[in-house]
Amino acid sequence: MKAAADWGYPPTSGTSDTVALLVAELAANAVRHGRVPGRDFQLSVHLDVRTRVIRIEVADASERQLRFGSQTVAGPEDESGRGLLLVTLLAARWGAVAREPVGKTVWAEAEVDAPDSS
């Protein structure tokens, strides 16, 4: 992920891997579950150098709420149903907020070490 590399976290770093997985999962969820015909989703990734937190936000136009913790559990052969579990395991924090005028923004934060300056 170029942004992570620009911030001092090369593609081979654990930080870059974590951020890339969080971006991929949140974006995939927006495409699969938050798609509204004629509207796209919006992705933003920011680093707060003071707190060393990388925040990923994916906004979509769907009013459909997240269903994490629902009664359905993905089986070992299922091809979907584990995305938010991955987000929970990888992110320090995550959540969703209503988006004005329509839709929602799903966000995840990764706490990172200072970049390697060598």
PDB file of N, CA and C in Angstrom:
ATOM      1  N   MET A   1       0.848  -1.167   0.000  1.00  0.00           N
ATOM      2  CA  MET A   1       0.000   0.000   0.000  1.00  0.00           C
ATOM      3  C   MET A   1       0.896   1.232   0.000  1.00  0.00           C
ATOM      4  N   LYS A   2       0.741   2.070  -1.013  1.00  0.00           N
ATOM      5  CA  LYS A   2       1.628   3.205  -1.216  1.00  0.00           C
ATOM      6  C   LYS A   2       1.591   4.196  -0.054  1.00  0.00           C
ATOM      7  N   ALA A   3       0.425   4.494   0.475  1.00  0.00           N
ATOM      8  CA  ALA A   3       0.351   5.464   1.580  1.00  0.00           C
ATOM      9  C   ALA A   3       1.168   4.982   2.770  1.00  0.00           C
ATOM     10  N   ALA A   4       1.056   3.717   3.122  1.00  0.00           N
ATOM     11  CA  ALA A   4       1.821   3.180   4.252  1.00  0.00           C
ATOM     12  C   ALA A   4       3.312   3.282   3.965  1.00  0.00           C
ATOM     13  N   ALA A   5       3.726   2.973   2.751  1.00  0.00           N
ATOM     14  CA  ALA A   5       5.140   3.089   2.384  1.00  0.00           C
ATOM     15  C   ALA A   5       5.606   4.534   2.482  1.00  0.00           C
ATOM     16  N   ASP A   6       4.787   5.470   2.032  1.00  0.00           N
ATOM     17  CA  ASP A   6       5.126   6.895   2.125  1.00  0.00           C
ATOM     18  C   ASP A   6       5.294   7.343   3.578  1.00  0.00           C
ATOM     19  N   TRP A   7       4.589   6.695   4.492  1.00  0.00           N
ATOM     20  CA  TRP A   7       4.671   7.043   5.916  1.00  0.00           C
ATOM     21  C   TRP A   7       5.804   6.315   6.630  1.00  0.00           C
ATOM     22  N   GLY A   8       6.560   5.478   5.907  1.00  0.00           N
ATOM     23  CA  GLY A   8       7.690   4.781   6.506  1.00  0.00           C
ATOM     24  C   GLY A   8       7.429   3.332   6.849  1.00  0.00           C
ATOM     25  N   TYR A   9       6.320   2.788   6.360  1.00  0.00           N
ATOM     26  CA  TYR A   9       5.983   1.378   6.602  1.00  0.00           C
ATOM     27  C   TYR A   9       6.037   0.645   5.267  1.00  0.00           C
ATOM     28  N   PRO A  10       7.186   0.022   4.949  1.00  0.00           N
ATOM     29  CA  PRO A  10       7.344  -0.609   3.636  1.00  0.00           C
ATOM     30  C   PRO A  10       6.372  -1.771   3.423  1.00  0.00           C
ATOM     31  N   PRO A  11       6.189  -2.165   2.174  1.00  0.00           N
ATOM     32  CA  PRO A  11       5.245  -3.251   1.863  1.00  0.00           C
ATOM     33  C   PRO A  11       5.531  -4.556   2.596  1.00  0.00           C
ATOM     34  N   THR A  12       6.749  -4.770   3.026  1.00  0.00           N
ATOM     35  CA  THR A  12       7.099  -6.004   3.735  1.00  0.00           C
ATOM     36  C   THR A  12       6.853  -5.917   5.238  1.00  0.00           C
ATOM     37  N   SER A  13       6.362  -4.783   5.713  1.00  0.00           N
ATOM     38  CA  SER A  13       6.162  -4.612   7.159  1.00  0.00           C
ATOM     39  C   SER A  13       4.813  -5.159   7.609  1.00  0.00           C
ATOM     40  N   GLY A  14       4.746  -5.535   8.864  1.00  0.00           N
ATOM     41  CA  GLY A  14       3.486  -5.982   9.443  1.00  0.00           C
ATOM     42  C   GLY A  14       2.435  -4.889   9.423  1.00  0.00           C
ATOM     43  N   THR A  15       2.870  -3.644   9.628  1.00  0.00           N
ATOM     44  CA  THR A  15       1.924  -2.516   9.597  1.00  0.00           C
ATOM     45  C   THR A  15       1.273  -2.404   8.231  1.00  0.00           C
ATOM     46  N   SER A  16       2.085  -2.466   7.187  1.00  0.00           N
ATOM     47  CA  SER A  16       1.544  -2.373   5.829  1.00  0.00           C
ATOM     48  C   SER A  16       0.575  -3.518   5.554  1.00  0.00           C
ATOM     49  N   ASP A  17       0.942  -4.725   5.995  1.00  0.00           N
ATOM     50  CA  ASP A  17       0.053  -5.882   5.814  1.00  0.00           C
ATOM     51  C   ASP A  17      -1.283  -5.679   6.527  1.00  0.00           C
ATOM     52  N   THR A  18      -1.229  -5.226   7.775  1.00  0.00           N
ATOM     53  CA  THR A  18      -2.455  -5.016   8.552  1.00  0.00           C
ATOM     54  C   THR A  18      -3.348  -3.974   7.908  1.00  0.00           C
ATOM     55  N   VAL A  19      -2.758  -2.850   7.518  1.00  0.00           N
ATOM     56  CA  VAL A  19      -3.547  -1.779   6.895  1.00  0.00           C
ATOM     57  C   VAL A  19      -4.144  -2.256   5.577  1.00  0.00           C
ATOM     58  N   ALA A  20      -3.365  -2.970   4.780  1.00  0.00           N
ATOM     59  CA  ALA A  20      -3.876  -3.469   3.497  1.00  0.00           C
ATOM     60  C   ALA A  20      -5.041  -4.438   3.705  1.00  0.00           C
ATOM     61  N   LEU A  21      -4.938  -5.314   4.695  1.00  0.00           N
ATOM     62  CA  LEU A  21      -6.037  -6.245   4.967  1.00  0.00           C
ATOM     63  C   LEU A  21      -7.284  -5.512   5.452  1.00  0.00           C
ATOM     64  N   LEU A  22      -7.112  -4.510   6.304  1.00  0.00           N
ATOM     65  CA  LEU A  22      -8.273  -3.745   6.772  1.00  0.00           C
ATOM     66  C   LEU A  22      -8.927  -2.982   5.627  1.00  0.00           C
ATOM     67  N   VAL A  23      -8.121  -2.350   4.780  1.00  0.00           N
ATOM     68  CA  VAL A  23      -8.664  -1.640   3.614  1.00  0.00           C
ATOM     69  C   VAL A  23      -9.414  -2.619   2.717  1.00  0.00           C
ATOM     70  N   ALA A  24      -8.807  -3.763   2.432  1.00  0.00           N
ATOM     71  CA  ALA A  24      -9.427  -4.743   1.533  1.00  0.00           C
ATOM     72  C   ALA A  24     -10.759  -5.235   2.086  1.00  0.00           C
ATOM     73  N   GLU A  25     -10.801  -5.532   3.363  1.00  0.00           N
ATOM     74  CA  GLU A  25     -12.029  -6.074   3.945  1.00  0.00           C
ATOM     75  C   GLU A  25     -13.135  -5.030   3.985  1.00  0.00           C
ATOM     76  N   LEU A  26     -12.814  -3.815   4.431  1.00  0.00           N
ATOM     77  CA  LEU A  26     -13.850  -2.779   4.503  1.00  0.00           C
ATOM     78  C   LEU A  26     -14.334  -2.391   3.103  1.00  0.00           C
ATOM     79  N   ALA A  27     -13.427  -2.307   2.144  1.00  0.00           N
ATOM     80  CA  ALA A  27     -13.828  -1.982   0.770  1.00  0.00           C
ATOM     81  C   ALA A  27     -14.664  -3.112   0.163  1.00  0.00           C
ATOM     82  N   ALA A  28     -14.259  -4.349   0.403  1.00  0.00           N
ATOM     83  CA  ALA A  28     -15.035  -5.486  -0.124  1.00  0.00           C
ATOM     84  C   ALA A  28     -16.441  -5.502   0.463  1.00  0.00           C
ATOM     85  N   ASN A  29     -16.562  -5.216   1.746  1.00  0.00           N
ATOM     86  CA  ASN A  29     -17.888  -5.158   2.365  1.00  0.00           C
ATOM     87  C   ASN A  29     -18.735  -4.048   1.756  1.00  0.00           C
ATOM     88  N   ALA A  30     -18.113  -2.901   1.482  1.00  0.00           N
ATOM     89  CA  ALA A  30     -18.862  -1.795   0.872  1.00  0.00           C
ATOM     90  C   ALA A  30     -19.362  -2.181  -0.516  1.00  0.00           C
ATOM     91  N   VAL A  31     -18.530  -2.868  -1.282  1.00  0.00           N
ATOM     92  CA  VAL A  31     -18.924  -3.286  -2.627  1.00  0.00           C
ATOM     93  C   VAL A  31     -20.007  -4.361  -2.568  1.00  0.00           C
ATOM     94  N   ARG A  32     -19.821  -5.318  -1.683  1.00  0.00           N
ATOM     95  CA  ARG A  32     -20.750  -6.451  -1.639  1.00  0.00           C
ATOM     96  C   ARG A  32     -22.055  -6.130  -0.913  1.00  0.00           C
ATOM     97  N   HIS A  33     -21.973  -5.435   0.202  1.00  0.00           N
ATOM     98  CA  HIS A  33     -23.158  -5.249   1.042  1.00  0.00           C
ATOM     99  C   HIS A  33     -23.687  -3.816   1.088  1.00  0.00           C
ATOM    100  N   GLY A  34     -22.877  -2.853   0.683  1.00  0.00           N
ATOM    101  CA  GLY A  34     -23.298  -1.461   0.795  1.00  0.00           C
ATOM    102  C   GLY A  34     -23.556  -0.783  -0.521  1.00  0.00           C
ATOM    103  N   ARG A  35     -23.558  -1.555  -1.580  1.00  0.00           N
ATOM    104  CA  ARG A  35     -23.713  -0.976  -2.916  1.00  0.00           C
ATOM    105  C   ARG A  35     -25.143  -0.509  -3.157  1.00  0.00           C
ATOM    106  N   VAL A  36     -25.229   0.704  -3.656  1.00  0.00           N
ATOM    107  CA  VAL A  36     -26.487   1.266  -4.125  1.00  0.00           C
ATOM    108  C   VAL A  36     -26.263   1.608  -5.595  1.00  0.00           C
ATOM    109  N   PRO A  37     -27.091   1.080  -6.511  1.00  0.00           N
ATOM    110  CA  PRO A  37     -26.873   1.339  -7.938  1.00  0.00           C
ATOM    111  C   PRO A  37     -26.715   2.830  -8.228  1.00  0.00           C
ATOM    112  N   GLY A  38     -25.686   3.150  -9.002  1.00  0.00           N
ATOM    113  CA  GLY A  38     -25.425   4.530  -9.380  1.00  0.00           C
ATOM    114  C   GLY A  38     -24.579   5.308  -8.380  1.00  0.00           C
ATOM    115  N   ARG A  39     -24.193   4.670  -7.290  1.00  0.00           N
ATOM    116  CA  ARG A  39     -23.373   5.349  -6.285  1.00  0.00           C
ATOM    117  C   ARG A  39     -22.158   4.499  -5.951  1.00  0.00           C
ATOM    118  N   ASP A  40     -21.059   5.164  -5.701  1.00  0.00           N
ATOM    119  CA  ASP A  40     -19.823   4.484  -5.356  1.00  0.00           C
ATOM    120  C   ASP A  40     -19.597   4.562  -3.857  1.00  0.00           C
ATOM    121  N   PHE A  41     -18.524   3.946  -3.401  1.00  0.00           N
ATOM    122  CA  PHE A  41     -18.121   4.114  -2.012  1.00  0.00           C
ATOM    123  C   PHE A  41     -16.895   5.022  -1.982  1.00  0.00           C
ATOM    124  N   GLN A  42     -16.593   5.563  -0.829  1.00  0.00           N
ATOM    125  CA  GLN A  42     -15.452   6.458  -0.665  1.00  0.00           C
ATOM    126  C   GLN A  42     -14.509   5.858   0.371  1.00  0.00           C
ATOM    127  N   LEU A  43     -13.227   5.827   0.047  1.00  0.00           N
ATOM    128  CA  LEU A  43     -12.201   5.281   0.920  1.00  0.00           C
ATOM    129  C   LEU A  43     -11.241   6.386   1.335  1.00  0.00           C
ATOM    130  N   SER A  44     -10.906   6.432   2.615  1.00  0.00           N
ATOM    131  CA  SER A  44      -9.849   7.336   3.068  1.00  0.00           C
ATOM    132  C   SER A  44      -8.989   6.616   4.093  1.00  0.00           C
ATOM    133  N   VAL A  45      -7.698   6.924   4.049  1.00  0.00           N
ATOM    134  CA  VAL A  45      -6.725   6.350   4.975  1.00  0.00           C
ATOM    135  C   VAL A  45      -5.870   7.503   5.479  1.00  0.00           C
ATOM    136  N   HIS A  46      -5.796   7.649   6.799  1.00  0.00           N
ATOM    137  CA  HIS A  46      -5.057   8.760   7.403  1.00  0.00           C
ATOM    138  C   HIS A  46      -4.149   8.250   8.508  1.00  0.00           C
ATOM    139  N   LEU A  47      -2.999   8.891   8.641  1.00  0.00           N
ATOM    140  CA  LEU A  47      -2.090   8.610   9.747  1.00  0.00           C
ATOM    141  C   LEU A  47      -2.078   9.810  10.674  1.00  0.00           C
ATOM    142  N   ASP A  48      -2.338   9.592  11.954  1.00  0.00           N
ATOM    143  CA  ASP A  48      -2.160  10.619  12.972  1.00  0.00           C
ATOM    144  C   ASP A  48      -0.785  10.377  13.574  1.00  0.00           C
ATOM    145  N   VAL A  49       0.189  11.193  13.198  1.00  0.00           N
ATOM    146  CA  VAL A  49       1.561  10.955  13.637  1.00  0.00           C
ATOM    147  C   VAL A  49       1.718  11.154  15.146  1.00  0.00           C
ATOM    148  N   ARG A  50       0.874  11.985  15.722  1.00  0.00           N
ATOM    149  CA  ARG A  50       0.949  12.236  17.162  1.00  0.00           C
ATOM    150  C   ARG A  50       0.563  10.998  17.968  1.00  0.00           C
ATOM    151  N   THR A  51      -0.533  10.353  17.582  1.00  0.00           N
ATOM    152  CA  THR A  51      -1.014   9.173  18.318  1.00  0.00           C
ATOM    153  C   THR A  51      -0.547   7.862  17.701  1.00  0.00           C
ATOM    154  N   ARG A  52       0.062   7.926  16.519  1.00  0.00           N
ATOM    155  CA  ARG A  52       0.491   6.742  15.764  1.00  0.00           C
ATOM    156  C   ARG A  52      -0.671   5.783  15.535  1.00  0.00           C
ATOM    157  N   VAL A  53      -1.732   6.352  14.997  1.00  0.00           N
ATOM    158  CA  VAL A  53      -2.922   5.569  14.639  1.00  0.00           C
ATOM    159  C   VAL A  53      -3.206   5.796  13.157  1.00  0.00           C
ATOM    160  N   ILE A  54      -3.363   4.700  12.437  1.00  0.00           N
ATOM    161  CA  ILE A  54      -3.808   4.776  11.049  1.00  0.00           C
ATOM    162  C   ILE A  54      -5.293   4.458  11.049  1.00  0.00           C
ATOM    163  N   ARG A  55      -6.081   5.391  10.501  1.00  0.00           N
ATOM    164  CA  ARG A  55      -7.540   5.245  10.466  1.00  0.00           C
ATOM    165  C   ARG A  55      -7.979   5.023   9.027  1.00  0.00           C
ATOM    166  N   ILE A  56      -8.736   3.964   8.829  1.00  0.00           N
ATOM    167  CA  ILE A  56      -9.303   3.630   7.533  1.00  0.00           C
ATOM    168  C   ILE A  56     -10.800   3.885   7.626  1.00  0.00           C
ATOM    169  N   GLU A  57     -11.345   4.608   6.657  1.00  0.00           N
ATOM    170  CA  GLU A  57     -12.792   4.869   6.613  1.00  0.00           C
ATOM    171  C   GLU A  57     -13.313   4.506   5.232  1.00  0.00           C
ATOM    172  N   VAL A  58     -14.419   3.780   5.210  1.00  0.00           N
ATOM    173  CA  VAL A  58     -15.095   3.447   3.959  1.00  0.00           C
ATOM    174  C   VAL A  58     -16.550   3.872   4.110  1.00  0.00           C
ATOM    175  N   ALA A  59     -16.950   4.816   3.270  1.00  0.00           N
ATOM    176  CA  ALA A  59     -18.324   5.329   3.305  1.00  0.00           C
ATOM    177  C   ALA A  59     -19.090   4.795   2.104  1.00  0.00           C
ATOM    178  N   ASP A  60     -20.328   4.374   2.349  1.00  0.00           N
ATOM    179  CA  ASP A  60     -21.187   3.926   1.252  1.00  0.00           C
ATOM    180  C   ASP A  60     -22.555   4.582   1.409  1.00  0.00           C
ATOM    181  N   ALA A  61     -23.390   4.389   0.401  1.00  0.00           N
ATOM    182  CA  ALA A  61     -24.697   5.048   0.389  1.00  0.00           C
ATOM    183  C   ALA A  61     -25.820   4.168   0.931  1.00  0.00           C
ATOM    184  N   SER A  62     -25.491   2.985   1.406  1.00  0.00           N
ATOM    185  CA  SER A  62     -26.514   2.066   1.886  1.00  0.00           C
ATOM    186  C   SER A  62     -26.879   2.344   3.342  1.00  0.00           C
ATOM    187  N   GLU A  63     -28.151   2.215   3.636  1.00  0.00           N
ATOM    188  CA  GLU A  63     -28.623   2.340   5.017  1.00  0.00           C
ATOM    189  C   GLU A  63     -28.514   1.005   5.759  1.00  0.00           C
ATOM    190  N   ARG A  64     -28.150  -0.048   5.032  1.00  0.00           N
ATOM    191  CA  ARG A  64     -28.048  -1.387   5.620  1.00  0.00           C
ATOM    192  C   ARG A  64     -27.028  -1.388   6.752  1.00  0.00           C
ATOM    193  N   GLN A  65     -27.431  -1.857   7.901  1.00  0.00           N
ATOM    194  CA  GLN A  65     -26.575  -1.872   9.078  1.00  0.00           C
ATOM    195  C   GLN A  65     -25.685  -3.110   9.084  1.00  0.00           C
ATOM    196  N   LEU A  66     -24.583  -3.007   9.785  1.00  0.00           N
ATOM    197  CA  LEU A  66     -23.683  -4.145   9.957  1.00  0.00           C
ATOM    198  C   LEU A  66     -24.376  -5.218  10.778  1.00  0.00           C
ATOM    199  N   ARG A  67     -24.028  -6.487  10.510  1.00  0.00           N
ATOM    200  CA  ARG A  67     -24.658  -7.585  11.237  1.00  0.00           C
ATOM    201  C   ARG A  67     -23.633  -8.427  11.974  1.00  0.00           C
ATOM    202  N   PHE A  68     -22.603  -7.812  12.494  1.00  0.00           N
ATOM    203  CA  PHE A  68     -21.603  -8.562  13.240  1.00  0.00           C
ATOM    204  C   PHE A  68     -22.230  -9.115  14.505  1.00  0.00           C
ATOM    205  N   GLY A  69     -21.930 -10.367  14.796  1.00  0.00           N
ATOM    206  CA  GLY A  69     -22.483 -10.984  15.998  1.00  0.00           C
ATOM    207  C   GLY A  69     -23.857 -11.571  15.777  1.00  0.00           C
ATOM    208  N   SER A  70     -24.271 -11.691  14.519  1.00  0.00           N
ATOM    209  CA  SER A  70     -25.582 -12.272  14.249  1.00  0.00           C
ATOM    210  C   SER A  70     -25.559 -13.764  14.578  1.00  0.00           C
ATOM    211  N   GLN A  71     -26.678 -14.395  14.458  1.00  0.00           N
ATOM    212  CA  GLN A  71     -26.814 -15.802  14.817  1.00  0.00           C
ATOM    213  C   GLN A  71     -26.088 -16.732  13.849  1.00  0.00           C
ATOM    214  N   THR A  72     -25.811 -16.273  12.625  1.00  0.00           N
ATOM    215  CA  THR A  72     -25.155 -17.138  11.661  1.00  0.00           C
ATOM    216  C   THR A  72     -23.653 -17.142  11.894  1.00  0.00           C
ATOM    217  N   VAL A  73     -23.063 -18.313  11.817  1.00  0.00           N
ATOM    218  CA  VAL A  73     -21.630 -18.481  11.976  1.00  0.00           C
ATOM    219  C   VAL A  73     -21.112 -19.166  10.723  1.00  0.00           C
ATOM    220  N   ALA A  74     -20.042 -18.623  10.161  1.00  0.00           N
ATOM    221  CA  ALA A  74     -19.475 -19.210   8.954  1.00  0.00           C
ATOM    222  C   ALA A  74     -18.900 -20.581   9.259  1.00  0.00           C
ATOM    223  N   GLY A  75     -19.219 -21.533   8.403  1.00  0.00           N
ATOM    224  CA  GLY A  75     -18.664 -22.875   8.537  1.00  0.00           C
ATOM    225  C   GLY A  75     -17.287 -22.952   7.911  1.00  0.00           C
ATOM    226  N   PRO A  76     -16.561 -24.028   8.150  1.00  0.00           N
ATOM    227  CA  PRO A  76     -15.195 -24.149   7.647  1.00  0.00           C
ATOM    228  C   PRO A  76     -15.089 -24.103   6.122  1.00  0.00           C
ATOM    229  N   GLU A  77     -16.137 -24.481   5.419  1.00  0.00           N
ATOM    230  CA  GLU A  77     -16.105 -24.476   3.957  1.00  0.00           C
ATOM    231  C   GLU A  77     -16.770 -23.237   3.351  1.00  0.00           C
ATOM    232  N   ASP A  78     -17.374 -22.379   4.171  1.00  0.00           N
ATOM    233  CA  ASP A  78     -18.030 -21.178   3.655  1.00  0.00           C
ATOM    234  C   ASP A  78     -16.996 -20.213   3.078  1.00  0.00           C
ATOM    235  N   GLU A  79     -17.379 -19.548   1.985  1.00  0.00           N
ATOM    236  CA  GLU A  79     -16.479 -18.612   1.326  1.00  0.00           C
ATOM    237  C   GLU A  79     -16.652 -17.185   1.813  1.00  0.00           C
ATOM    238  N   SER A  80     -17.571 -16.941   2.717  1.00  0.00           N
ATOM    239  CA  SER A  80     -17.767 -15.588   3.249  1.00  0.00           C
ATOM    240  C   SER A  80     -18.257 -15.707   4.689  1.00  0.00           C
ATOM    241  N   GLY A  81     -18.377 -14.570   5.336  1.00  0.00           N
ATOM    242  CA  GLY A  81     -18.914 -14.560   6.686  1.00  0.00           C
ATOM    243  C   GLY A  81     -17.891 -14.355   7.787  1.00  0.00           C
ATOM    244  N   ARG A  82     -16.634 -14.081   7.405  1.00  0.00           N
ATOM    245  CA  ARG A  82     -15.596 -13.902   8.415  1.00  0.00           C
ATOM    246  C   ARG A  82     -14.979 -12.509   8.401  1.00  0.00           C
ATOM    247  N   GLY A  83     -15.435 -11.648   7.530  1.00  0.00           N
ATOM    248  CA  GLY A  83     -14.792 -10.353   7.322  1.00  0.00           C
ATOM    249  C   GLY A  83     -14.703  -9.491   8.558  1.00  0.00           C
ATOM    250  N   LEU A  84     -15.818  -9.301   9.241  1.00  0.00           N
ATOM    251  CA  LEU A  84     -15.786  -8.428  10.415  1.00  0.00           C
ATOM    252  C   LEU A  84     -15.054  -9.092  11.576  1.00  0.00           C
ATOM    253  N   LEU A  85     -14.989 -10.407  11.585  1.00  0.00           N
ATOM    254  CA  LEU A  85     -14.155 -11.084  12.576  1.00  0.00           C
ATOM    255  C   LEU A  85     -12.684 -10.733  12.332  1.00  0.00           C
ATOM    256  N   LEU A  86     -12.266 -10.735  11.070  1.00  0.00           N
ATOM    257  CA  LEU A  86     -10.895 -10.329  10.744  1.00  0.00           C
ATOM    258  C   LEU A  86     -10.638  -8.887  11.162  1.00  0.00           C
ATOM    259  N   VAL A  87     -11.583  -8.007  10.875  1.00  0.00           N
ATOM    260  CA  VAL A  87     -11.438  -6.606  11.275  1.00  0.00           C
ATOM    261  C   VAL A  87     -11.301  -6.507  12.790  1.00  0.00           C
ATOM    262  N   THR A  88     -12.115  -7.237  13.524  1.00  0.00           N
ATOM    263  CA  THR A  88     -12.053  -7.229  14.982  1.00  0.00           C
ATOM    264  C   THR A  88     -10.687  -7.689  15.481  1.00  0.00           C
ATOM    265  N   LEU A  89     -10.125  -8.701  14.854  1.00  0.00           N
ATOM    266  CA  LEU A  89      -8.834  -9.228  15.279  1.00  0.00           C
ATOM    267  C   LEU A  89      -7.672  -8.312  14.914  1.00  0.00           C
ATOM    268  N   LEU A  90      -7.763  -7.615  13.781  1.00  0.00           N
ATOM    269  CA  LEU A  90      -6.651  -6.794  13.301  1.00  0.00           C
ATOM    270  C   LEU A  90      -6.668  -5.359  13.806  1.00  0.00           C
ATOM    271  N   ALA A  91      -7.838  -4.803  14.017  1.00  0.00           N
ATOM    272  CA  ALA A  91      -7.947  -3.389  14.374  1.00  0.00           C
ATOM    273  C   ALA A  91      -7.905  -3.195  15.887  1.00  0.00           C
ATOM    274  N   ALA A  92      -7.352  -2.071  16.292  1.00  0.00           N
ATOM    275  CA  ALA A  92      -7.399  -1.709  17.715  1.00  0.00           C
ATOM    276  C   ALA A  92      -8.828  -1.340  18.104  1.00  0.00           C
ATOM    277  N   ARG A  93      -9.506  -0.691  17.186  1.00  0.00           N
ATOM    278  CA  ARG A  93     -10.904  -0.281  17.359  1.00  0.00           C
ATOM    279  C   ARG A  93     -11.542  -0.233  15.979  1.00  0.00           C
ATOM    280  N   TRP A  94     -12.870  -0.425  15.938  1.00  0.00           N
ATOM    281  CA  TRP A  94     -13.606  -0.224  14.694  1.00  0.00           C
ATOM    282  C   TRP A  94     -15.060   0.037  15.025  1.00  0.00           C
ATOM    283  N   GLY A  95     -15.775   0.572  14.068  1.00  0.00           N
ATOM    284  CA  GLY A  95     -17.187   0.839  14.270  1.00  0.00           C
ATOM    285  C   GLY A  95     -17.816   1.398  13.009  1.00  0.00           C
ATOM    286  N   ALA A  96     -19.030   1.866  13.155  1.00  0.00           N
ATOM    287  CA  ALA A  96     -19.770   2.446  12.028  1.00  0.00           C
ATOM    288  C   ALA A  96     -20.585   3.618  12.546  1.00  0.00           C
ATOM    289  N   VAL A  97     -20.696   4.647  11.727  1.00  0.00           N
ATOM    290  CA  VAL A  97     -21.489   5.822  12.069  1.00  0.00           C
ATOM    291  C   VAL A  97     -22.361   6.194  10.876  1.00  0.00           C
ATOM    292  N   ALA A  98     -23.485   6.799  11.170  1.00  0.00           N
ATOM    293  CA  ALA A  98     -24.370   7.271  10.103  1.00  0.00           C
ATOM    294  C   ALA A  98     -23.642   8.344   9.299  1.00  0.00           C
ATOM    295  N   ARG A  99     -23.953   8.384   8.023  1.00  0.00           N
ATOM    296  CA  ARG A  99     -23.338   9.351   7.113  1.00  0.00           C
ATOM    297  C   ARG A  99     -24.435  10.259   6.581  1.00  0.00           C
ATOM    298  N   GLU A 100     -24.198  11.549   6.631  1.00  0.00           N
ATOM    299  CA  GLU A 100     -25.172  12.506   6.118  1.00  0.00           C
ATOM    300  C   GLU A 100     -24.848  12.848   4.671  1.00  0.00           C
ATOM    301  N   PRO A 101     -25.791  12.916   3.783  1.00  0.00           N
ATOM    302  CA  PRO A 101     -27.220  12.824   4.017  1.00  0.00           C
ATOM    303  C   PRO A 101     -27.753  11.401   3.982  1.00  0.00           C
ATOM    304  N   VAL A 102     -26.920  10.439   3.523  1.00  0.00           N
ATOM    305  CA  VAL A 102     -27.400   9.071   3.401  1.00  0.00           C
ATOM    306  C   VAL A 102     -26.227   8.104   3.568  1.00  0.00           C
ATOM    307  N   GLY A 103     -26.522   6.933   4.113  1.00  0.00           N
ATOM    308  CA  GLY A 103     -25.515   5.881   4.184  1.00  0.00           C
ATOM    309  C   GLY A 103     -24.820   5.786   5.526  1.00  0.00           C
ATOM    310  N   LYS A 104     -23.624   5.198   5.480  1.00  0.00           N
ATOM    311  CA  LYS A 104     -22.852   4.984   6.706  1.00  0.00           C
ATOM    312  C   LYS A 104     -21.368   5.027   6.367  1.00  0.00           C
ATOM    313  N   THR A 105     -20.574   5.237   7.393  1.00  0.00           N
ATOM    314  CA  THR A 105     -19.122   5.139   7.274  1.00  0.00           C
ATOM    315  C   THR A 105     -18.660   4.075   8.257  1.00  0.00           C
ATOM    316  N   VAL A 106     -17.974   3.075   7.746  1.00  0.00           N
ATOM    317  CA  VAL A 106     -17.374   2.038   8.584  1.00  0.00           C
ATOM    318  C   VAL A 106     -15.900   2.385   8.703  1.00  0.00           C
ATOM    319  N   TRP A 107     -15.384   2.363   9.920  1.00  0.00           N
ATOM    320  CA  TRP A 107     -14.003   2.764  10.149  1.00  0.00           C
ATOM    321  C   TRP A 107     -13.280   1.719  10.993  1.00  0.00           C
ATOM    322  N   ALA A 108     -11.967   1.696  10.838  1.00  0.00           N
ATOM    323  CA  ALA A 108     -11.111   0.824  11.644  1.00  0.00           C
ATOM    324  C   ALA A 108      -9.821   1.583  11.913  1.00  0.00           C
ATOM    325  N   GLU A 109      -9.267   1.370  13.101  1.00  0.00           N
ATOM    326  CA  GLU A 109      -8.020   2.022  13.466  1.00  0.00           C
ATOM    327  C   GLU A 109      -6.967   0.977  13.825  1.00  0.00           C
ATOM    328  N   ALA A 110      -5.770   1.191  13.307  1.00  0.00           N
ATOM    329  CA  ALA A 110      -4.625   0.339  13.619  1.00  0.00           C
ATOM    330  C   ALA A 110      -3.606   1.183  14.372  1.00  0.00           C
ATOM    331  N   GLU A 111      -3.221   0.726  15.552  1.00  0.00           N
ATOM    332  CA  GLU A 111      -2.170   1.402  16.307  1.00  0.00           C
ATOM    333  C   GLU A 111      -0.839   0.887  15.785  1.00  0.00           C
ATOM    334  N   VAL A 112       0.086   1.806  15.467  1.00  0.00           N
ATOM    335  CA  VAL A 112       1.329   1.413  14.831  1.00  0.00           C
ATOM    336  C   VAL A 112       2.532   1.943  15.611  1.00  0.00           C
ATOM    337  N   ASP A 113       3.626   1.240  15.488  1.00  0.00           N
ATOM    338  CA  ASP A 113       4.887   1.712  16.057  1.00  0.00           C
ATOM    339  C   ASP A 113       5.428   2.825  15.184  1.00  0.00           C
ATOM    340  N   ALA A 114       6.411   3.553  15.708  1.00  0.00           N
ATOM    341  CA  ALA A 114       7.078   4.557  14.906  1.00  0.00           C
ATOM    342  C   ALA A 114       7.737   3.855  13.720  1.00  0.00           C
ATOM    343  N   PRO A 115       7.727   4.492  12.552  1.00  0.00           N
ATOM    344  CA  PRO A 115       8.355   3.854  11.385  1.00  0.00           C
ATOM    345  C   PRO A 115       9.858   3.675  11.605  1.00  0.00           C
ATOM    346  N   ASP A 116      10.395   2.666  10.957  1.00  0.00           N
ATOM    347  CA  ASP A 116      11.814   2.388  11.038  1.00  0.00           C
ATOM    348  C   ASP A 116      12.550   3.459  10.242  1.00  0.00           C
ATOM    349  N   SER A 117      13.414   4.208  10.884  1.00  0.00           N
ATOM    350  CA  SER A 117      14.106   5.308  10.210  1.00  0.00           C
ATOM    351  C   SER A 117      15.440   4.884   9.626  1.00  0.00           C
ATOM    352  N   SER A 118      15.758   3.611   9.673  1.00  0.00           N
ATOM    353  CA  SER A 118      17.055   3.177   9.168  1.00  0.00           C
ATOM    354  C   SER A 118      17.051   3.019   7.666  1.00  0.00           C
TER     355      SER A 118
END
